[in-house]
Amino acid sequence: MPVEERIERVFGEIGIDKRELRPDSSLKAGLGVDSTEMVELLVALEKEFSVKIPDGAINGGTTVREIIEYLSNAAAKP
């Protein structure tokens, strides 16, 4: 399954409709992700992609495009 679809599924798990996702939408300002949802999102992304996301790598100002790029690169590493 492509990275984008996996990310859409994870966002859906925290209650954000995939129709709201735009490449340049930031998590906080564009999608309204609050601090609780941010934690849920990070945990779900780490689980889905079997990676550890360092503190600060993804934050409220991060865009959907940046998440896709970050996780695409992380998933490509052995």
PDB file of N, CA and C in Angstrom:
ATOM      1  N   MET A   1       0.847  -1.170   0.000  1.00  0.00           N
ATOM      2  CA  MET A   1       0.000   0.000   0.000  1.00  0.00           C
ATOM      3  C   MET A   1       0.901   1.244   0.000  1.00  0.00           C
ATOM      4  N   PRO A   2       0.599   2.225  -0.844  1.00  0.00           N
ATOM      5  CA  PRO A   2       1.411   3.442  -0.900  1.00  0.00           C
ATOM      6  C   PRO A   2       1.411   4.208   0.431  1.00  0.00           C
ATOM      7  N   VAL A   3       2.482   4.934   0.662  1.00  0.00           N
ATOM      8  CA  VAL A   3       2.650   5.711   1.890  1.00  0.00           C
ATOM      9  C   VAL A   3       1.465   6.650   2.094  1.00  0.00           C
ATOM     10  N   GLU A   4       1.020   7.307   1.045  1.00  0.00           N
ATOM     11  CA  GLU A   4      -0.075   8.268   1.157  1.00  0.00           C
ATOM     12  C   GLU A   4      -1.345   7.612   1.694  1.00  0.00           C
ATOM     13  N   GLU A   5      -1.657   6.424   1.197  1.00  0.00           N
ATOM     14  CA  GLU A   5      -2.862   5.722   1.643  1.00  0.00           C
ATOM     15  C   GLU A   5      -2.738   5.299   3.096  1.00  0.00           C
ATOM     16  N   ARG A   6      -1.557   4.866   3.484  1.00  0.00           N
ATOM     17  CA  ARG A   6      -1.336   4.477   4.874  1.00  0.00           C
ATOM     18  C   ARG A   6      -1.489   5.688   5.795  1.00  0.00           C
ATOM     19  N   ILE A   7      -0.988   6.831   5.364  1.00  0.00           N
ATOM     20  CA  ILE A   7      -1.114   8.059   6.159  1.00  0.00           C
ATOM     21  C   ILE A   7      -2.576   8.486   6.236  1.00  0.00           C
ATOM     22  N   GLU A   8      -3.306   8.401   5.142  1.00  0.00           N
ATOM     23  CA  GLU A   8      -4.730   8.728   5.152  1.00  0.00           C
ATOM     24  C   GLU A   8      -5.475   7.864   6.159  1.00  0.00           C
ATOM     25  N   ARG A   9      -5.140   6.581   6.189  1.00  0.00           N
ATOM     26  CA  ARG A   9      -5.791   5.662   7.116  1.00  0.00           C
ATOM     27  C   ARG A   9      -5.511   6.066   8.562  1.00  0.00           C
ATOM     28  N   VAL A  10      -4.253   6.411   8.849  1.00  0.00           N
ATOM     29  CA  VAL A  10      -3.883   6.824  10.211  1.00  0.00           C
ATOM     30  C   VAL A  10      -4.621   8.097  10.607  1.00  0.00           C
ATOM     31  N   PHE A  11      -4.696   9.072   9.717  1.00  0.00           N
ATOM     32  CA  PHE A  11      -5.438  10.289  10.020  1.00  0.00           C
ATOM     33  C   PHE A  11      -6.904   9.962  10.288  1.00  0.00           C
ATOM     34  N   GLY A  12      -7.455   9.048   9.523  1.00  0.00           N
ATOM     35  CA  GLY A  12      -8.834   8.627   9.742  1.00  0.00           C
ATOM     36  C   GLY A  12      -9.042   8.039  11.121  1.00  0.00           C
ATOM     37  N   GLU A  13      -8.035   7.320  11.614  1.00  0.00           N
ATOM     38  CA  GLU A  13      -8.119   6.710  12.940  1.00  0.00           C
ATOM     39  C   GLU A  13      -8.230   7.757  14.050  1.00  0.00           C
ATOM     40  N   ILE A  14      -7.670   8.945  13.821  1.00  0.00           N
ATOM     41  CA  ILE A  14      -7.778   9.996  14.848  1.00  0.00           C
ATOM     42  C   ILE A  14      -8.916  10.968  14.541  1.00  0.00           C
ATOM     43  N   GLY A  15      -9.721  10.652  13.527  1.00  0.00           N
ATOM     44  CA  GLY A  15     -10.922  11.436  13.259  1.00  0.00           C
ATOM     45  C   GLY A  15     -10.802  12.521  12.214  1.00  0.00           C
ATOM     46  N   ILE A  16      -9.749  12.495  11.413  1.00  0.00           N
ATOM     47  CA  ILE A  16      -9.606  13.497  10.358  1.00  0.00           C
ATOM     48  C   ILE A  16      -9.926  12.835   9.022  1.00  0.00           C
ATOM     49  N   ASP A  17     -10.944  13.347   8.360  1.00  0.00           N
ATOM     50  CA  ASP A  17     -11.393  12.803   7.086  1.00  0.00           C
ATOM     51  C   ASP A  17     -10.328  13.026   6.019  1.00  0.00           C
ATOM     52  N   LYS A  18     -10.055  11.991   5.219  1.00  0.00           N
ATOM     53  CA  LYS A  18      -9.019  12.112   4.189  1.00  0.00           C
ATOM     54  C   LYS A  18      -9.339  13.203   3.173  1.00  0.00           C
ATOM     55  N   ARG A  19     -10.599  13.576   3.041  1.00  0.00           N
ATOM     56  CA  ARG A  19     -10.965  14.647   2.115  1.00  0.00           C
ATOM     57  C   ARG A  19     -10.454  15.999   2.592  1.00  0.00           C
ATOM     58  N   GLU A  20     -10.121  16.103   3.878  1.00  0.00           N
ATOM     59  CA  GLU A  20      -9.578  17.345   4.426  1.00  0.00           C
ATOM     60  C   GLU A  20      -8.073  17.459   4.207  1.00  0.00           C
ATOM     61  N   LEU A  21      -7.432  16.355   3.887  1.00  0.00           N
ATOM     62  CA  LEU A  21      -5.974  16.353   3.745  1.00  0.00           C
ATOM     63  C   LEU A  21      -5.548  17.003   2.441  1.00  0.00           C
ATOM     64  N   ARG A  22      -4.723  18.015   2.561  1.00  0.00           N
ATOM     65  CA  ARG A  22      -4.127  18.708   1.421  1.00  0.00           C
ATOM     66  C   ARG A  22      -2.624  18.707   1.643  1.00  0.00           C
ATOM     67  N   PRO A  23      -1.837  18.597   0.603  1.00  0.00           N
ATOM     68  CA  PRO A  23      -0.379  18.542   0.782  1.00  0.00           C
ATOM     69  C   PRO A  23       0.192  19.686   1.615  1.00  0.00           C
ATOM     70  N   ASP A  24      -0.340  20.894   1.454  1.00  0.00           N
ATOM     71  CA  ASP A  24       0.220  22.041   2.159  1.00  0.00           C
ATOM     72  C   ASP A  24      -0.502  22.372   3.466  1.00  0.00           C
ATOM     73  N   SER A  25      -1.445  21.513   3.891  1.00  0.00           N
ATOM     74  CA  SER A  25      -2.134  21.749   5.156  1.00  0.00           C
ATOM     75  C   SER A  25      -1.215  21.417   6.317  1.00  0.00           C
ATOM     76  N   SER A  26      -1.070  22.375   7.238  1.00  0.00           N
ATOM     77  CA  SER A  26      -0.291  22.079   8.439  1.00  0.00           C
ATOM     78  C   SER A  26      -1.203  21.345   9.424  1.00  0.00           C
ATOM     79  N   LEU A  27      -0.583  20.608  10.319  1.00  0.00           N
ATOM     80  CA  LEU A  27      -1.373  19.820  11.253  1.00  0.00           C
ATOM     81  C   LEU A  27      -2.255  20.692  12.133  1.00  0.00           C
ATOM     82  N   LYS A  28      -1.676  21.731  12.726  1.00  0.00           N
ATOM     83  CA  LYS A  28      -2.436  22.546  13.672  1.00  0.00           C
ATOM     84  C   LYS A  28      -3.348  23.547  12.967  1.00  0.00           C
ATOM     85  N   ALA A  29      -2.761  24.436  12.155  1.00  0.00           N
ATOM     86  CA  ALA A  29      -3.547  25.500  11.527  1.00  0.00           C
ATOM     87  C   ALA A  29      -4.465  24.975  10.429  1.00  0.00           C
ATOM     88  N   GLY A  30      -3.971  24.053   9.626  1.00  0.00           N
ATOM     89  CA  GLY A  30      -4.751  23.578   8.491  1.00  0.00           C
ATOM     90  C   GLY A  30      -5.761  22.497   8.822  1.00  0.00           C
ATOM     91  N   LEU A  31      -5.394  21.605   9.757  1.00  0.00           N
ATOM     92  CA  LEU A  31      -6.259  20.471  10.069  1.00  0.00           C
ATOM     93  C   LEU A  31      -6.840  20.517  11.476  1.00  0.00           C
ATOM     94  N   GLY A  32      -6.376  21.462  12.272  1.00  0.00           N
ATOM     95  CA  GLY A  32      -6.924  21.606  13.620  1.00  0.00           C
ATOM     96  C   GLY A  32      -6.514  20.512  14.593  1.00  0.00           C
ATOM     97  N   VAL A  33      -5.373  19.890  14.358  1.00  0.00           N
ATOM     98  CA  VAL A  33      -4.903  18.836  15.250  1.00  0.00           C
ATOM     99  C   VAL A  33      -4.464  19.473  16.571  1.00  0.00           C
ATOM    100  N   ASP A  34      -5.067  19.017  17.679  1.00  0.00           N
ATOM    101  CA  ASP A  34      -4.689  19.553  18.988  1.00  0.00           C
ATOM    102  C   ASP A  34      -3.587  18.678  19.599  1.00  0.00           C
ATOM    103  N   SER A  35      -3.145  19.024  20.795  1.00  0.00           N
ATOM    104  CA  SER A  35      -2.008  18.327  21.397  1.00  0.00           C
ATOM    105  C   SER A  35      -2.304  16.849  21.671  1.00  0.00           C
ATOM    106  N   THR A  36      -3.516  16.548  22.075  1.00  0.00           N
ATOM    107  CA  THR A  36      -3.883  15.148  22.319  1.00  0.00           C
ATOM    108  C   THR A  36      -3.880  14.358  21.012  1.00  0.00           C
ATOM    109  N   GLU A  37      -4.469  14.932  19.991  1.00  0.00           N
ATOM    110  CA  GLU A  37      -4.488  14.266  18.684  1.00  0.00           C
ATOM    111  C   GLU A  37      -3.079  14.122  18.126  1.00  0.00           C
ATOM    112  N   MET A  38      -2.207  15.089  18.414  1.00  0.00           N
ATOM    113  CA  MET A  38      -0.826  15.020  17.937  1.00  0.00           C
ATOM    114  C   MET A  38      -0.138  13.787  18.508  1.00  0.00           C
ATOM    115  N   VAL A  39      -0.328  13.548  19.793  1.00  0.00           N
ATOM    116  CA  VAL A  39       0.265  12.366  20.417  1.00  0.00           C
ATOM    117  C   VAL A  39      -0.312  11.102  19.787  1.00  0.00           C
ATOM    118  N   GLU A  40      -1.621  11.063  19.629  1.00  0.00           N
ATOM    119  CA  GLU A  40      -2.276   9.910  19.003  1.00  0.00           C
ATOM    120  C   GLU A  40      -1.750   9.689  17.592  1.00  0.00           C
ATOM    121  N   LEU A  41      -1.590  10.766  16.850  1.00  0.00           N
ATOM    122  CA  LEU A  41      -1.101  10.686  15.480  1.00  0.00           C
ATOM    123  C   LEU A  41       0.317  10.138  15.436  1.00  0.00           C
ATOM    124  N   LEU A  42       1.191  10.661  16.278  1.00  0.00           N
ATOM    125  CA  LEU A  42       2.581  10.198  16.280  1.00  0.00           C
ATOM    126  C   LEU A  42       2.684   8.726  16.653  1.00  0.00           C
ATOM    127  N   VAL A  43       1.942   8.318  17.659  1.00  0.00           N
ATOM    128  CA  VAL A  43       1.956   6.904  18.077  1.00  0.00           C
ATOM    129  C   VAL A  43       1.434   6.023  16.944  1.00  0.00           C
ATOM    130  N   ALA A  44       0.347   6.445  16.311  1.00  0.00           N
ATOM    131  CA  ALA A  44      -0.234   5.656  15.222  1.00  0.00           C
ATOM    132  C   ALA A  44       0.706   5.593  14.014  1.00  0.00           C
ATOM    133  N   LEU A  45       1.375   6.704  13.682  1.00  0.00           N
ATOM    134  CA  LEU A  45       2.319   6.700  12.558  1.00  0.00           C
ATOM    135  C   LEU A  45       3.521   5.802  12.865  1.00  0.00           C
ATOM    136  N   GLU A  46       4.021   5.876  14.097  1.00  0.00           N
ATOM    137  CA  GLU A  46       5.144   5.016  14.475  1.00  0.00           C
ATOM    138  C   GLU A  46       4.758   3.547  14.360  1.00  0.00           C
ATOM    139  N   LYS A  47       3.575   3.222  14.802  1.00  0.00           N
ATOM    140  CA  LYS A  47       3.098   1.835  14.727  1.00  0.00           C
ATOM    141  C   LYS A  47       2.905   1.400  13.273  1.00  0.00           C
ATOM    142  N   GLU A  48       2.241   2.217  12.495  1.00  0.00           N
ATOM    143  CA  GLU A  48       1.954   1.882  11.087  1.00  0.00           C
ATOM    144  C   GLU A  48       3.226   1.684  10.277  1.00  0.00           C
ATOM    145  N   PHE A  49       4.231   2.530  10.519  1.00  0.00           N
ATOM    146  CA  PHE A  49       5.439   2.496   9.703  1.00  0.00           C
ATOM    147  C   PHE A  49       6.622   1.806  10.397  1.00  0.00           C
ATOM    148  N   SER A  50       6.394   1.310  11.599  1.00  0.00           N
ATOM    149  CA  SER A  50       7.441   0.620  12.369  1.00  0.00           C
ATOM    150  C   SER A  50       8.711   1.461  12.456  1.00  0.00           C
ATOM    151  N   VAL A  51       8.529   2.729  12.832  1.00  0.00           N
ATOM    152  CA  VAL A  51       9.652   3.657  12.987  1.00  0.00           C
ATOM    153  C   VAL A  51       9.497   4.405  14.307  1.00  0.00           C
ATOM    154  N   LYS A  52      10.588   4.956  14.781  1.00  0.00           N
ATOM    155  CA  LYS A  52      10.572   5.858  15.937  1.00  0.00           C
ATOM    156  C   LYS A  52      10.716   7.266  15.381  1.00  0.00           C
ATOM    157  N   ILE A  53       9.743   8.106  15.644  1.00  0.00           N
ATOM    158  CA  ILE A  53       9.782   9.495  15.183  1.00  0.00           C
ATOM    159  C   ILE A  53      10.384  10.330  16.306  1.00  0.00           C
ATOM    160  N   PRO A  54      11.557  10.926  16.076  1.00  0.00           N
ATOM    161  CA  PRO A  54      12.200  11.721  17.124  1.00  0.00           C
ATOM    162  C   PRO A  54      11.355  12.934  17.519  1.00  0.00           C
ATOM    163  N   ASP A  55      11.494  13.338  18.780  1.00  0.00           N
ATOM    164  CA  ASP A  55      10.791  14.533  19.258  1.00  0.00           C
ATOM    165  C   ASP A  55      11.083  15.713  18.337  1.00  0.00           C
ATOM    166  N   GLY A  56      10.037  16.413  17.940  1.00  0.00           N
ATOM    167  CA  GLY A  56      10.181  17.605  17.115  1.00  0.00           C
ATOM    168  C   GLY A  56      10.234  17.355  15.620  1.00  0.00           C
ATOM    169  N   ALA A  57      10.369  16.095  15.199  1.00  0.00           N
ATOM    170  CA  ALA A  57      10.442  15.809  13.761  1.00  0.00           C
ATOM    171  C   ALA A  57       9.110  16.117  13.077  1.00  0.00           C
ATOM    172  N   ILE A  58       8.020  15.884  13.786  1.00  0.00           N
ATOM    173  CA  ILE A  58       6.684  16.202  13.290  1.00  0.00           C
ATOM    174  C   ILE A  58       6.005  16.998  14.386  1.00  0.00           C
ATOM    175  N   ASN A  59       5.556  18.224  14.043  1.00  0.00           N
ATOM    176  CA  ASN A  59       4.922  19.089  15.035  1.00  0.00           C
ATOM    177  C   ASN A  59       3.730  19.794  14.411  1.00  0.00           C
ATOM    178  N   GLY A  60       3.136  20.713  15.129  1.00  0.00           N
ATOM    179  CA  GLY A  60       1.938  21.408  14.657  1.00  0.00           C
ATOM    180  C   GLY A  60       2.107  22.158  13.358  1.00  0.00           C
ATOM    181  N   GLY A  61       3.331  22.591  13.054  1.00  0.00           N
ATOM    182  CA  GLY A  61       3.583  23.323  11.821  1.00  0.00           C
ATOM    183  C   GLY A  61       3.925  22.439  10.637  1.00  0.00           C
ATOM    184  N   THR A  62       4.068  21.159  10.885  1.00  0.00           N
ATOM    185  CA  THR A  62       4.412  20.214   9.823  1.00  0.00           C
ATOM    186  C   THR A  62       3.240  20.064   8.862  1.00  0.00           C
ATOM    187  N   THR A  63       3.546  20.010   7.564  1.00  0.00           N
ATOM    188  CA  THR A  63       2.497  19.828   6.560  1.00  0.00           C
ATOM    189  C   THR A  63       2.325  18.351   6.227  1.00  0.00           C
ATOM    190  N   VAL A  64       1.211  18.045   5.608  1.00  0.00           N
ATOM    191  CA  VAL A  64       0.941  16.674   5.172  1.00  0.00           C
ATOM    192  C   VAL A  64       2.046  16.222   4.211  1.00  0.00           C
ATOM    193  N   ARG A  65       2.473  17.092   3.305  1.00  0.00           N
ATOM    194  CA  ARG A  65       3.537  16.758   2.357  1.00  0.00           C
ATOM    195  C   ARG A  65       4.829  16.383   3.098  1.00  0.00           C
ATOM    196  N   GLU A  66       5.161  17.142   4.133  1.00  0.00           N
ATOM    197  CA  GLU A  66       6.375  16.861   4.901  1.00  0.00           C
ATOM    198  C   GLU A  66       6.286  15.520   5.629  1.00  0.00           C
ATOM    199  N   ILE A  67       5.099  15.176   6.091  1.00  0.00           N
ATOM    200  CA  ILE A  67       4.912  13.869   6.738  1.00  0.00           C
ATOM    201  C   ILE A  67       5.111  12.756   5.721  1.00  0.00           C
ATOM    202  N   ILE A  68       4.540  12.920   4.543  1.00  0.00           N
ATOM    203  CA  ILE A  68       4.695  11.917   3.487  1.00  0.00           C
ATOM    204  C   ILE A  68       6.171  11.744   3.145  1.00  0.00           C
ATOM    205  N   GLU A  69       6.886  12.852   2.968  1.00  0.00           N
ATOM    206  CA  GLU A  69       8.313  12.787   2.636  1.00  0.00           C
ATOM    207  C   GLU A  69       9.111  12.130   3.760  1.00  0.00           C
ATOM    208  N   TYR A  70       8.843  12.535   4.994  1.00  0.00           N
ATOM    209  CA  TYR A  70       9.566  11.994   6.140  1.00  0.00           C
ATOM    210  C   TYR A  70       9.365  10.479   6.228  1.00  0.00           C
ATOM    211  N   LEU A  71       8.121  10.038   6.153  1.00  0.00           N
ATOM    212  CA  LEU A  71       7.840   8.612   6.306  1.00  0.00           C
ATOM    213  C   LEU A  71       8.259   7.808   5.083  1.00  0.00           C
ATOM    214  N   SER A  72       8.222   8.407   3.904  1.00  0.00           N
ATOM    215  CA  SER A  72       8.739   7.718   2.717  1.00  0.00           C
ATOM    216  C   SER A  72      10.220   7.436   2.880  1.00  0.00           C
ATOM    217  N   ASN A  73      10.963   8.427   3.378  1.00  0.00           N
ATOM    218  CA  ASN A  73      12.395   8.253   3.598  1.00  0.00           C
ATOM    219  C   ASN A  73      12.659   7.262   4.724  1.00  0.00           C
ATOM    220  N   ALA A  74      11.905   7.351   5.789  1.00  0.00           N
ATOM    221  CA  ALA A  74      12.093   6.447   6.924  1.00  0.00           C
ATOM    222  C   ALA A  74      11.773   5.004   6.546  1.00  0.00           C
ATOM    223  N   ALA A  75      10.739   4.813   5.731  1.00  0.00           N
ATOM    224  CA  ALA A  75      10.336   3.469   5.326  1.00  0.00           C
ATOM    225  C   ALA A  75      11.341   2.869   4.353  1.00  0.00           C
ATOM    226  N   ALA A  76      12.073   3.721   3.631  1.00  0.00           N
ATOM    227  CA  ALA A  76      13.041   3.240   2.651  1.00  0.00           C
ATOM    228  C   ALA A  76      14.338   2.770   3.306  1.00  0.00           C
ATOM    229  N   LYS A  77      14.584   3.204   4.544  1.00  0.00           N
ATOM    230  CA  LYS A  77      15.798   2.807   5.239  1.00  0.00           C
ATOM    231  C   LYS A  77      15.640   1.395   5.794  1.00  0.00           C
ATOM    232  N   PRO A  78      16.725   0.614   5.731  1.00  0.00           N
ATOM    233  CA  PRO A  78      16.644  -0.760   6.251  1.00  0.00           C
ATOM    234  C   PRO A  78      16.485  -0.817   7.757  1.00  0.00           C
TER     235      PRO A  78
END
